[in-house]
N, C-alpha and C. Protein backbone atom coordinates (compact mmCIF):
# COMPACT_ATOMS: atom_id res chain seq x y z
N MET A 1 0.42 -1.52 0.40
CA MET A 1 -0.40 -0.37 -0.20
C MET A 1 0.90 0.98 -0.07
N ASN A 2 0.32 2.25 -0.25
CA ASN A 2 1.14 3.37 -0.77
C ASN A 2 1.12 4.57 0.58
N VAL A 3 2.45 4.49 0.83
CA VAL A 3 1.68 5.34 2.27
C VAL A 3 2.39 6.49 2.51
N GLU A 4 2.02 7.98 2.80
CA GLU A 4 2.37 9.53 2.21
C GLU A 4 2.34 10.03 3.86
N VAL A 5 3.54 11.04 3.25
CA VAL A 5 3.56 11.91 4.74
C VAL A 5 3.87 12.76 4.08
N LEU A 6 2.77 13.82 4.52
CA LEU A 6 2.67 15.56 3.34
C LEU A 6 2.96 15.98 4.69
N PRO A 7 3.40 17.55 4.36
CA PRO A 7 2.46 19.03 5.71
C PRO A 7 1.44 19.13 5.19
N ILE A 8 0.87 19.50 6.48
CA ILE A 8 -0.30 20.45 6.64
C ILE A 8 -0.42 21.80 6.07
N PRO A 9 -1.36 22.15 5.04
CA PRO A 9 -1.02 23.34 5.01
C PRO A 9 -1.67 24.15 6.24
N TYR A 10 -1.19 25.17 6.58
CA TYR A 10 -1.87 26.14 7.30
C TYR A 10 -3.62 26.78 7.20
N GLY A 11 -4.06 26.61 6.11
CA GLY A 11 -5.07 26.70 5.34
C GLY A 11 -5.95 25.70 5.30
N GLU A 12 -4.75 24.47 6.29
CA GLU A 12 -6.16 23.72 5.97
C GLU A 12 -6.02 22.60 7.60
N MET A 13 -6.29 23.92 8.57
CA MET A 13 -6.19 23.90 9.68
C MET A 13 -7.47 22.51 9.86
N GLN A 14 -8.33 23.14 9.91
CA GLN A 14 -9.91 23.39 10.16
C GLN A 14 -9.95 21.15 10.05
N VAL A 15 -8.98 20.95 8.90
CA VAL A 15 -8.96 18.99 8.75
C VAL A 15 -8.20 18.25 9.84
N LEU A 16 -6.66 19.31 10.01
CA LEU A 16 -6.21 18.65 10.85
C LEU A 16 -7.08 18.36 12.43
N ARG A 17 -7.56 19.37 12.73
CA ARG A 17 -8.66 19.42 13.71
C ARG A 17 -9.71 18.71 14.25
N ASN A 18 -10.79 18.61 12.99
CA ASN A 18 -11.82 17.36 12.71
C ASN A 18 -10.56 16.10 13.39
N LEU A 19 -9.87 15.68 12.91
CA LEU A 19 -8.69 14.68 13.23
C LEU A 19 -8.36 14.34 14.46
N VAL A 20 -8.03 15.35 15.29
CA VAL A 20 -7.52 16.03 16.02
C VAL A 20 -8.72 15.29 17.64
N LYS A 21 -9.71 15.85 16.88
CA LYS A 21 -10.89 15.51 17.69
C LYS A 21 -11.08 14.29 18.07
N LEU A 22 -11.02 13.47 17.08
CA LEU A 22 -11.18 11.39 16.52
C LEU A 22 -9.61 11.11 18.06
N TYR A 23 -8.97 11.34 18.05
CA TYR A 23 -7.39 11.37 18.74
C TYR A 23 -7.84 11.17 19.78
N CYS A 24 -8.66 12.81 20.11
CA CYS A 24 -8.44 13.57 21.57
C CYS A 24 -10.24 12.39 22.04
N HIS A 25 -10.56 11.96 21.70
CA HIS A 25 -12.18 11.30 21.60
C HIS A 25 -10.89 9.66 22.40
N GLU A 26 -9.87 9.15 21.15
CA GLU A 26 -10.02 7.50 21.90
C GLU A 26 -8.55 7.90 22.80
N TRP A 27 -7.55 8.95 23.45
CA TRP A 27 -7.45 9.28 24.60
C TRP A 27 -7.85 9.28 25.66
N SER A 28 -9.37 9.64 25.88
CA SER A 28 -9.44 9.74 26.67
C SER A 28 -10.08 8.96 27.67
N GLN A 29 -9.92 7.75 26.85
CA GLN A 29 -10.39 6.51 27.46
C GLN A 29 -8.14 5.68 28.03
N TYR A 30 -7.65 6.70 27.91
CA TYR A 30 -6.74 7.46 29.06
C TYR A 30 -6.12 8.01 30.09
N ASN A 31 -6.31 8.89 29.11
CA ASN A 31 -6.40 10.19 30.32
C ASN A 31 -7.71 10.26 30.82
N GLY A 32 -8.54 10.48 30.57
CA GLY A 32 -9.77 11.16 31.44
C GLY A 32 -10.28 12.32 30.65
N ILE A 33 -9.57 12.94 29.97
CA ILE A 33 -9.66 14.13 29.07
C ILE A 33 -11.12 14.64 29.20
N ASP A 34 -11.15 15.69 29.32
CA ASP A 34 -13.21 15.62 28.75
C ASP A 34 -13.00 17.02 27.82
N MET A 35 -14.30 17.36 27.13
CA MET A 35 -14.70 17.94 25.79
C MET A 35 -15.07 19.07 27.08
N ASP A 36 -15.25 20.38 26.78
CA ASP A 36 -16.20 21.98 27.39
C ASP A 36 -17.14 21.83 26.44
N ASP A 37 -17.55 22.99 27.20
CA ASP A 37 -19.38 22.85 27.21
C ASP A 37 -20.04 23.31 25.84
N LYS A 38 -18.46 23.69 24.88
CA LYS A 38 -19.02 23.69 23.22
C LYS A 38 -18.80 22.00 22.81
N GLY A 39 -18.72 21.37 23.28
CA GLY A 39 -17.97 19.87 22.62
C GLY A 39 -16.52 20.10 22.07
N GLU A 40 -16.15 20.74 22.85
CA GLU A 40 -13.60 20.85 22.45
C GLU A 40 -13.28 19.90 23.08
N TYR A 41 -12.06 19.95 23.21
CA TYR A 41 -10.96 19.79 23.54
C TYR A 41 -9.80 20.76 23.37
N ALA A 42 -9.40 20.88 24.63
CA ALA A 42 -8.44 22.10 24.75
C ALA A 42 -7.27 21.72 23.71
N PHE A 43 -6.98 21.01 23.36
CA PHE A 43 -5.80 20.61 22.38
C PHE A 43 -6.53 20.57 21.67
N GLU A 44 -7.12 20.99 21.11
CA GLU A 44 -7.40 21.14 19.24
C GLU A 44 -7.03 22.70 19.30
N LYS A 45 -7.56 23.73 20.60
CA LYS A 45 -7.48 24.84 20.41
C LYS A 45 -5.97 25.20 19.90
N ARG A 46 -5.49 24.59 20.22
CA ARG A 46 -3.58 24.86 20.67
C ARG A 46 -3.12 24.40 19.15
N LEU A 47 -3.48 24.15 18.13
CA LEU A 47 -2.91 23.44 16.84
C LEU A 47 -2.18 24.37 16.44
N ASP A 48 -1.98 25.52 16.71
CA ASP A 48 -1.50 27.02 15.61
C ASP A 48 0.25 26.65 15.80
N VAL A 49 0.59 26.30 17.00
CA VAL A 49 1.63 25.80 17.29
C VAL A 49 2.39 25.57 16.43
N PHE A 50 1.92 24.55 15.66
CA PHE A 50 2.55 23.54 14.33
C PHE A 50 2.63 24.39 12.83
N TRP A 51 2.44 25.64 13.01
CA TRP A 51 2.36 26.17 11.99
C TRP A 51 3.76 27.66 12.21
N ASN A 52 3.59 28.26 13.44
CA ASN A 52 4.15 28.92 14.68
C ASN A 52 5.35 29.44 15.22
N LYS A 53 5.68 27.53 15.69
CA LYS A 53 7.27 27.96 16.30
C LYS A 53 7.48 27.41 15.67
N ALA A 54 8.76 27.17 15.71
CA ALA A 54 10.38 26.44 15.36
C ALA A 54 10.23 24.96 16.29
N ARG A 55 10.63 24.15 14.43
CA ARG A 55 10.87 23.56 14.97
C ARG A 55 9.65 22.55 15.47
N HIS A 56 7.83 23.00 14.86
CA HIS A 56 7.39 21.99 14.95
C HIS A 56 6.60 21.91 13.76
N PHE A 57 5.60 20.90 13.19
CA PHE A 57 5.67 20.72 12.11
C PHE A 57 4.35 19.76 12.53
N ALA A 58 3.10 19.38 11.43
CA ALA A 58 2.16 19.08 10.26
C ALA A 58 2.14 18.47 9.79
N PHE A 59 1.38 16.63 10.23
CA PHE A 59 1.90 16.15 8.92
C PHE A 59 0.82 15.34 8.12
N TYR A 60 -0.01 15.31 7.61
CA TYR A 60 -0.99 14.28 7.03
C TYR A 60 -1.04 12.53 6.99
N ILE A 61 -0.59 11.89 7.31
CA ILE A 61 -1.18 10.53 6.65
C ILE A 61 -2.21 9.97 6.18
N LYS A 62 -1.08 9.62 4.31
CA LYS A 62 -2.74 8.83 3.25
C LYS A 62 -2.15 7.39 3.02
N ALA A 63 -3.00 7.50 2.31
CA ALA A 63 -2.70 5.53 2.90
C ALA A 63 -3.87 5.32 1.18
N GLU A 64 -3.13 5.49 -0.42
CA GLU A 64 -3.71 5.26 -1.32
C GLU A 64 -4.39 6.56 -1.38
N GLY A 65 -4.01 7.75 -1.00
CA GLY A 65 -4.15 8.72 -1.68
C GLY A 65 -5.42 9.42 -0.44
N LYS A 66 -5.79 8.03 0.47
CA LYS A 66 -6.82 8.97 1.20
C LYS A 66 -6.42 9.19 2.69
N LEU A 67 -6.81 10.22 3.32
CA LEU A 67 -6.33 10.78 4.67
C LEU A 67 -6.54 9.19 6.12
N ALA A 68 -5.68 9.18 6.50
CA ALA A 68 -5.23 8.00 7.18
C ALA A 68 -5.07 8.18 9.05
N GLY A 69 -4.52 8.91 8.56
CA GLY A 69 -3.96 9.94 10.29
C GLY A 69 -3.26 11.23 10.31
N PHE A 70 -2.88 11.34 11.16
CA PHE A 70 -1.70 12.97 10.90
C PHE A 70 -0.57 12.37 11.86
N ALA A 71 0.64 12.95 12.40
CA ALA A 71 1.69 13.19 13.12
C ALA A 71 1.94 14.76 13.42
N LEU A 72 1.89 15.36 14.44
CA LEU A 72 2.96 15.84 15.37
C LEU A 72 3.74 16.49 15.55
N LEU A 73 5.11 16.73 15.11
CA LEU A 73 6.06 16.85 15.54
C LEU A 73 6.61 18.04 16.55
N ASP A 74 7.19 18.29 17.56
CA ASP A 74 7.67 19.40 18.28
C ASP A 74 9.58 19.29 18.70
N ASP A 75 9.55 19.95 19.80
CA ASP A 75 10.66 20.03 19.94
C ASP A 75 10.18 20.35 21.66
N ASP A 76 10.13 19.23 21.92
CA ASP A 76 9.72 19.87 23.55
C ASP A 76 9.07 18.52 24.26
N PHE A 77 10.61 17.65 24.49
CA PHE A 77 11.12 17.03 25.03
C PHE A 77 10.96 17.09 26.71
N ASP A 78 10.18 16.07 27.46
CA ASP A 78 10.02 15.77 28.89
C ASP A 78 11.79 15.05 29.39
N TYR A 79 12.47 14.59 29.01
CA TYR A 79 13.88 13.42 29.56
C TYR A 79 14.81 13.76 28.26
N VAL A 80 14.70 13.87 27.29
CA VAL A 80 16.31 14.54 26.52
C VAL A 80 16.13 15.23 26.64
N GLU A 81 18.14 15.24 27.30
CA GLU A 81 18.38 16.74 27.42
C GLU A 81 18.68 17.53 26.13
N ASP A 82 19.68 17.37 25.13
CA ASP A 82 19.92 16.96 24.21
C ASP A 82 19.51 16.31 22.52
N GLY A 83 17.88 17.04 22.48
CA GLY A 83 17.15 16.29 20.80
C GLY A 83 16.97 16.35 20.06
N ASP A 84 16.44 16.11 19.06
CA ASP A 84 15.73 17.11 17.51
C ASP A 84 15.11 17.35 17.72
N HIS A 85 14.11 16.19 17.77
CA HIS A 85 13.20 16.07 17.31
C HIS A 85 11.94 15.44 18.84
N ALA A 86 10.65 15.35 18.67
CA ALA A 86 9.95 14.78 19.68
C ALA A 86 8.35 13.89 19.40
N MET A 87 7.99 13.30 19.36
CA MET A 87 6.58 12.87 18.02
C MET A 87 6.26 12.87 19.18
N SER A 88 5.69 14.56 18.82
CA SER A 88 4.42 14.94 20.12
C SER A 88 2.81 13.95 20.07
N GLU A 89 1.99 14.37 18.70
CA GLU A 89 1.39 13.12 19.04
C GLU A 89 1.61 12.39 16.92
N PHE A 90 0.66 11.72 17.65
CA PHE A 90 0.57 10.44 16.39
C PHE A 90 -0.53 9.64 16.36
N PHE A 91 -1.56 10.11 15.33
CA PHE A 91 -2.64 9.15 15.03
C PHE A 91 -2.94 8.65 13.51
N VAL A 92 -3.37 7.09 14.12
CA VAL A 92 -3.19 6.63 12.55
C VAL A 92 -5.40 5.30 12.66
N LEU A 93 -5.93 6.31 12.06
CA LEU A 93 -7.14 5.85 12.04
C LEU A 93 -8.08 4.31 11.93
N HIS A 94 -8.35 3.95 12.83
CA HIS A 94 -8.23 2.50 13.04
C HIS A 94 -9.12 1.36 11.65
N LYS A 95 -9.64 2.15 10.56
CA LYS A 95 -9.82 1.60 9.08
C LYS A 95 -7.96 0.76 8.50
N TYR A 96 -7.16 2.11 8.88
CA TYR A 96 -5.89 1.99 8.30
C TYR A 96 -4.67 1.71 9.26
N ARG A 97 -5.14 0.56 9.98
CA ARG A 97 -4.75 0.01 12.03
C ARG A 97 -4.34 -1.65 11.50
N ARG A 98 -2.86 -2.28 11.47
CA ARG A 98 -3.03 -3.29 12.04
C ARG A 98 -2.05 -3.24 10.07
N ASP A 99 -2.51 -2.92 9.13
CA ASP A 99 -1.59 -2.72 8.00
C ASP A 99 -0.29 -2.23 7.84
N GLY A 100 0.45 -2.09 8.30
CA GLY A 100 1.41 -1.78 8.15
C GLY A 100 1.60 0.38 7.45
N ILE A 101 0.23 0.66 8.06
CA ILE A 101 0.24 2.35 7.73
C ILE A 101 0.92 2.86 8.01
N GLY A 102 0.56 2.59 9.79
CA GLY A 102 1.87 3.52 10.73
C GLY A 102 3.15 3.74 10.66
N SER A 103 3.49 2.49 10.84
CA SER A 103 4.81 2.01 11.04
C SER A 103 5.65 2.84 9.31
N ALA A 104 5.41 2.47 8.80
CA ALA A 104 5.58 3.14 7.31
C ALA A 104 6.24 4.48 6.85
N ALA A 105 4.40 5.50 7.92
CA ALA A 105 4.37 6.47 8.47
C ALA A 105 5.45 7.06 9.74
N ALA A 106 5.99 6.20 10.35
CA ALA A 106 6.54 6.73 11.37
C ALA A 106 7.99 6.12 10.54
N LYS A 107 8.06 5.27 10.42
CA LYS A 107 9.77 5.53 9.06
C LYS A 107 10.10 6.33 7.67
N GLU A 108 8.91 7.55 7.31
CA GLU A 108 9.34 7.54 6.96
C GLU A 108 9.02 9.11 7.43
N ILE A 109 8.74 9.56 8.40
CA ILE A 109 8.83 10.67 9.41
C ILE A 109 10.53 10.13 10.14
N PHE A 110 11.28 9.48 10.41
CA PHE A 110 12.37 9.38 10.67
C PHE A 110 13.34 9.86 9.99
N ARG A 111 12.80 9.12 8.70
CA ARG A 111 13.93 9.14 8.26
C ARG A 111 14.16 11.05 7.84
N MET A 112 12.73 10.95 7.54
CA MET A 112 12.88 12.93 6.48
C MET A 112 13.63 13.80 7.99
N PHE A 113 13.19 13.13 8.87
CA PHE A 113 13.68 14.76 10.24
C PHE A 113 15.18 13.78 11.02
N PRO A 114 16.39 13.28 10.41
CA PRO A 114 17.30 12.58 11.62
C PRO A 114 17.64 12.72 12.46
N GLY A 115 17.93 12.76 13.81
CA GLY A 115 18.44 13.20 14.80
C GLY A 115 18.02 12.12 16.24
N LYS A 116 18.45 13.25 17.35
CA LYS A 116 17.76 12.25 18.97
C LYS A 116 16.76 12.58 18.90
N TRP A 117 15.69 11.60 19.03
CA TRP A 117 14.30 11.35 19.06
C TRP A 117 13.81 11.15 20.90
N GLU A 118 13.05 11.54 20.95
CA GLU A 118 11.89 11.22 21.91
C GLU A 118 10.60 10.58 21.44
N ILE A 119 10.04 9.89 22.08
CA ILE A 119 8.59 9.45 21.68
C ILE A 119 8.33 9.33 23.31
N LYS A 120 7.19 9.99 23.99
CA LYS A 120 6.33 10.07 25.10
C LYS A 120 5.22 8.74 25.44
N MET A 121 5.09 7.67 25.94
CA MET A 121 3.67 7.52 26.17
C MET A 121 3.37 7.23 26.88
N HIS A 122 1.54 7.89 26.33
CA HIS A 122 1.04 6.79 27.77
C HIS A 122 0.81 5.31 28.53
N PRO A 123 1.15 5.06 29.97
CA PRO A 123 1.05 3.81 30.05
C PRO A 123 0.39 2.82 29.94
N ARG A 124 -1.04 3.42 30.31
CA ARG A 124 -2.32 2.76 29.46
C ARG A 124 -2.51 2.74 28.22
N ASN A 125 -1.84 2.63 27.73
CA ASN A 125 -1.84 3.13 25.43
C ASN A 125 -0.79 1.73 25.20
N THR A 126 -1.34 -0.36 25.72
CA THR A 126 -0.19 -0.02 25.78
C THR A 126 0.01 -0.63 23.98
N ALA A 127 -0.72 -1.09 23.76
CA ALA A 127 -0.67 -0.94 22.14
C ALA A 127 0.35 0.27 21.36
N SER A 128 -0.27 1.62 22.02
CA SER A 128 1.75 2.25 21.64
C SER A 128 2.66 1.93 22.22
N ILE A 129 2.19 1.49 23.25
CA ILE A 129 4.00 1.48 23.47
C ILE A 129 4.22 0.08 22.42
N LYS A 130 3.55 -0.85 22.39
CA LYS A 130 4.26 -1.81 21.40
C LYS A 130 4.54 -1.46 20.04
N PHE A 131 3.68 -0.63 19.91
CA PHE A 131 4.06 -0.12 18.21
C PHE A 131 5.17 0.91 18.33
N TRP A 132 5.75 1.84 18.78
CA TRP A 132 6.65 2.34 19.09
C TRP A 132 8.10 1.36 19.27
N ARG A 133 7.81 0.49 20.81
CA ARG A 133 9.13 -0.35 20.05
C ARG A 133 9.15 -0.87 19.50
N ASN A 134 8.26 -1.87 18.74
CA ASN A 134 8.51 -2.11 17.16
C ASN A 134 9.16 -1.22 15.88
N VAL A 135 7.99 -0.45 15.72
CA VAL A 135 9.06 0.34 14.72
C VAL A 135 9.96 0.80 15.18
N VAL A 136 10.78 1.53 16.29
CA VAL A 136 12.24 2.22 16.56
C VAL A 136 13.17 0.48 16.68
N GLY A 137 12.60 -0.33 17.30
CA GLY A 137 13.68 -1.57 17.50
C GLY A 137 13.97 -2.02 15.80
N GLU A 138 13.50 -1.84 14.74
CA GLU A 138 13.64 -1.86 13.43
C GLU A 138 14.62 -1.10 12.64
N LEU A 139 14.26 -0.02 13.52
CA LEU A 139 15.06 0.59 12.43
C LEU A 139 16.35 2.01 13.60
N SER A 140 16.41 0.60 14.71
CA SER A 140 17.95 1.83 15.61
C SER A 140 18.62 0.11 15.80
N PRO A 141 18.83 -0.32 14.29
CA PRO A 141 19.36 -1.41 15.13
C PRO A 141 20.79 -1.37 16.39
N GLY A 142 21.39 -0.54 16.23
CA GLY A 142 22.17 0.14 17.10
C GLY A 142 21.44 -0.24 19.24
N GLY A 143 20.12 -0.25 18.94
CA GLY A 143 19.96 -0.01 19.91
C GLY A 143 19.14 1.07 20.21
N TYR A 144 17.99 1.00 21.36
CA TYR A 144 16.86 1.76 21.81
C TYR A 144 17.44 2.09 23.53
N THR A 145 17.27 3.75 24.25
CA THR A 145 16.30 3.79 25.75
C THR A 145 15.13 3.99 25.97
N PHE A 146 14.36 2.35 26.31
CA PHE A 146 13.12 2.88 27.13
C PHE A 146 13.38 3.45 28.40
N ILE A 147 12.91 3.84 29.08
CA ILE A 147 12.63 4.45 30.13
C ILE A 147 10.64 3.97 30.40
N GLU A 148 10.21 2.92 32.08
CA GLU A 148 9.04 3.15 32.00
C GLU A 148 9.01 3.96 32.94
N GLN A 149 8.04 4.29 33.29
CA GLN A 149 6.78 6.07 34.18
C GLN A 149 8.58 6.44 34.70
N CYS A 150 8.73 6.52 33.95
CA CYS A 150 9.65 8.30 33.57
C CYS A 150 9.22 9.29 34.30
N GLU A 151 10.00 9.52 35.93
CA GLU A 151 9.62 10.22 36.79
C GLU A 151 9.59 11.90 35.75
N LYS A 152 9.39 12.45 35.28
CA LYS A 152 10.01 13.78 34.32
C LYS A 152 8.97 13.90 33.13
N ALA A 153 8.24 12.43 32.85
CA ALA A 153 7.31 12.63 32.12
C ALA A 153 6.07 12.38 32.69
N ARG A 154 5.48 13.40 33.42
CA ARG A 154 3.99 12.76 33.58
C ARG A 154 3.05 13.44 33.45
N TYR A 155 1.69 12.56 32.82
CA TYR A 155 0.72 13.00 32.46
C TYR A 155 -0.09 13.79 33.36
N GLY A 156 -1.12 15.01 32.68
CA GLY A 156 -1.88 15.52 33.97
C GLY A 156 -2.72 14.63 33.86
N ASP A 157 -2.92 13.62 34.10
CA ASP A 157 -3.54 12.94 34.88
C ASP A 157 -3.11 12.13 35.93
N GLY A 158 -1.16 12.60 36.29
CA GLY A 158 0.07 11.71 37.21
C GLY A 158 0.22 10.16 36.92
N ASN A 159 -0.62 10.19 35.79
CA ASN A 159 0.15 8.43 35.11
C ASN A 159 1.66 9.55 34.96
N LEU A 160 2.92 8.26 35.03
CA LEU A 160 4.43 8.56 34.71
C LEU A 160 3.95 7.84 33.05
N GLY A 161 4.71 8.37 32.47
CA GLY A 161 4.52 7.72 30.94
C GLY A 161 5.88 7.58 30.59
N SER A 162 6.19 6.70 29.09
CA SER A 162 6.92 6.34 29.28
C SER A 162 7.42 6.61 27.98
N ILE A 163 9.35 6.25 28.28
CA ILE A 163 9.91 7.16 27.17
C ILE A 163 10.39 6.15 26.20
N ILE A 164 10.88 6.26 25.07
CA ILE A 164 12.12 6.25 24.29
C ILE A 164 12.77 6.87 23.85
N GLU A 165 13.84 6.82 23.67
CA GLU A 165 14.46 8.00 23.63
C GLU A 165 16.04 6.66 22.26
N PHE A 166 16.03 7.50 20.74
CA PHE A 166 16.79 6.67 19.90
C PHE A 166 17.74 7.46 19.03
N GLU A 167 18.71 7.69 18.12
CA GLU A 167 18.71 7.90 16.95
C GLU A 167 18.05 7.57 16.02
N SER A 168 17.96 8.63 14.74
CA SER A 168 17.34 8.19 13.53
C SER A 168 18.33 9.06 12.77
N GLY A 169 18.41 7.54 11.39
CA GLY A 169 19.07 8.83 10.08
C GLY A 169 20.93 8.18 10.16
N LEU A 170 21.67 9.55 9.37
CA LEU A 170 23.26 9.24 9.45
C LEU A 170 23.26 10.18 11.04
N GLY A 171 22.58 11.11 11.12
CA GLY A 171 22.80 12.25 12.23
C GLY A 171 21.90 13.22 12.00
N ARG A 172 22.49 14.25 12.88
CA ARG A 172 21.60 15.58 12.77
C ARG A 172 21.67 16.21 11.34
N PRO A 173 20.43 16.77 11.50
CA PRO A 173 20.37 17.80 10.20
C PRO A 173 21.51 19.00 9.89
């Protein structure tokens, strides 16, 4: 299946907001986030940063030309002190899961952005932890660091996140 990772134009932010609402709804089972009285999640109102702040990026994930998810990158690290990139959010629609689409998209992103990475995962999202360990394990033959219940990676619900730290590509951009 053809998988593409494409920058989201600023003018298409509403498309990202639509996807983020689905993402936040799914995330609510892990971290208990609530909607406000307008039916919005707080995170969907803070997306401008991915176009207006250096080292923040928003990408569509497309499968066979169809919208399959999104990825948000930033440089907001919980654990890594001298990192280059952090996977802020990564979401693949249910229809496209378990077909290698998420894995292909993640690998493309890591190819596009070589350097030192941090990925933070909620402890209750065990599928995410398994996914990232598999993807990074394939990409990083030299190994990666996995920190379970990292004190520096506390979620708003009080849970301690797990962290994966690794190097992608041939070095830093």
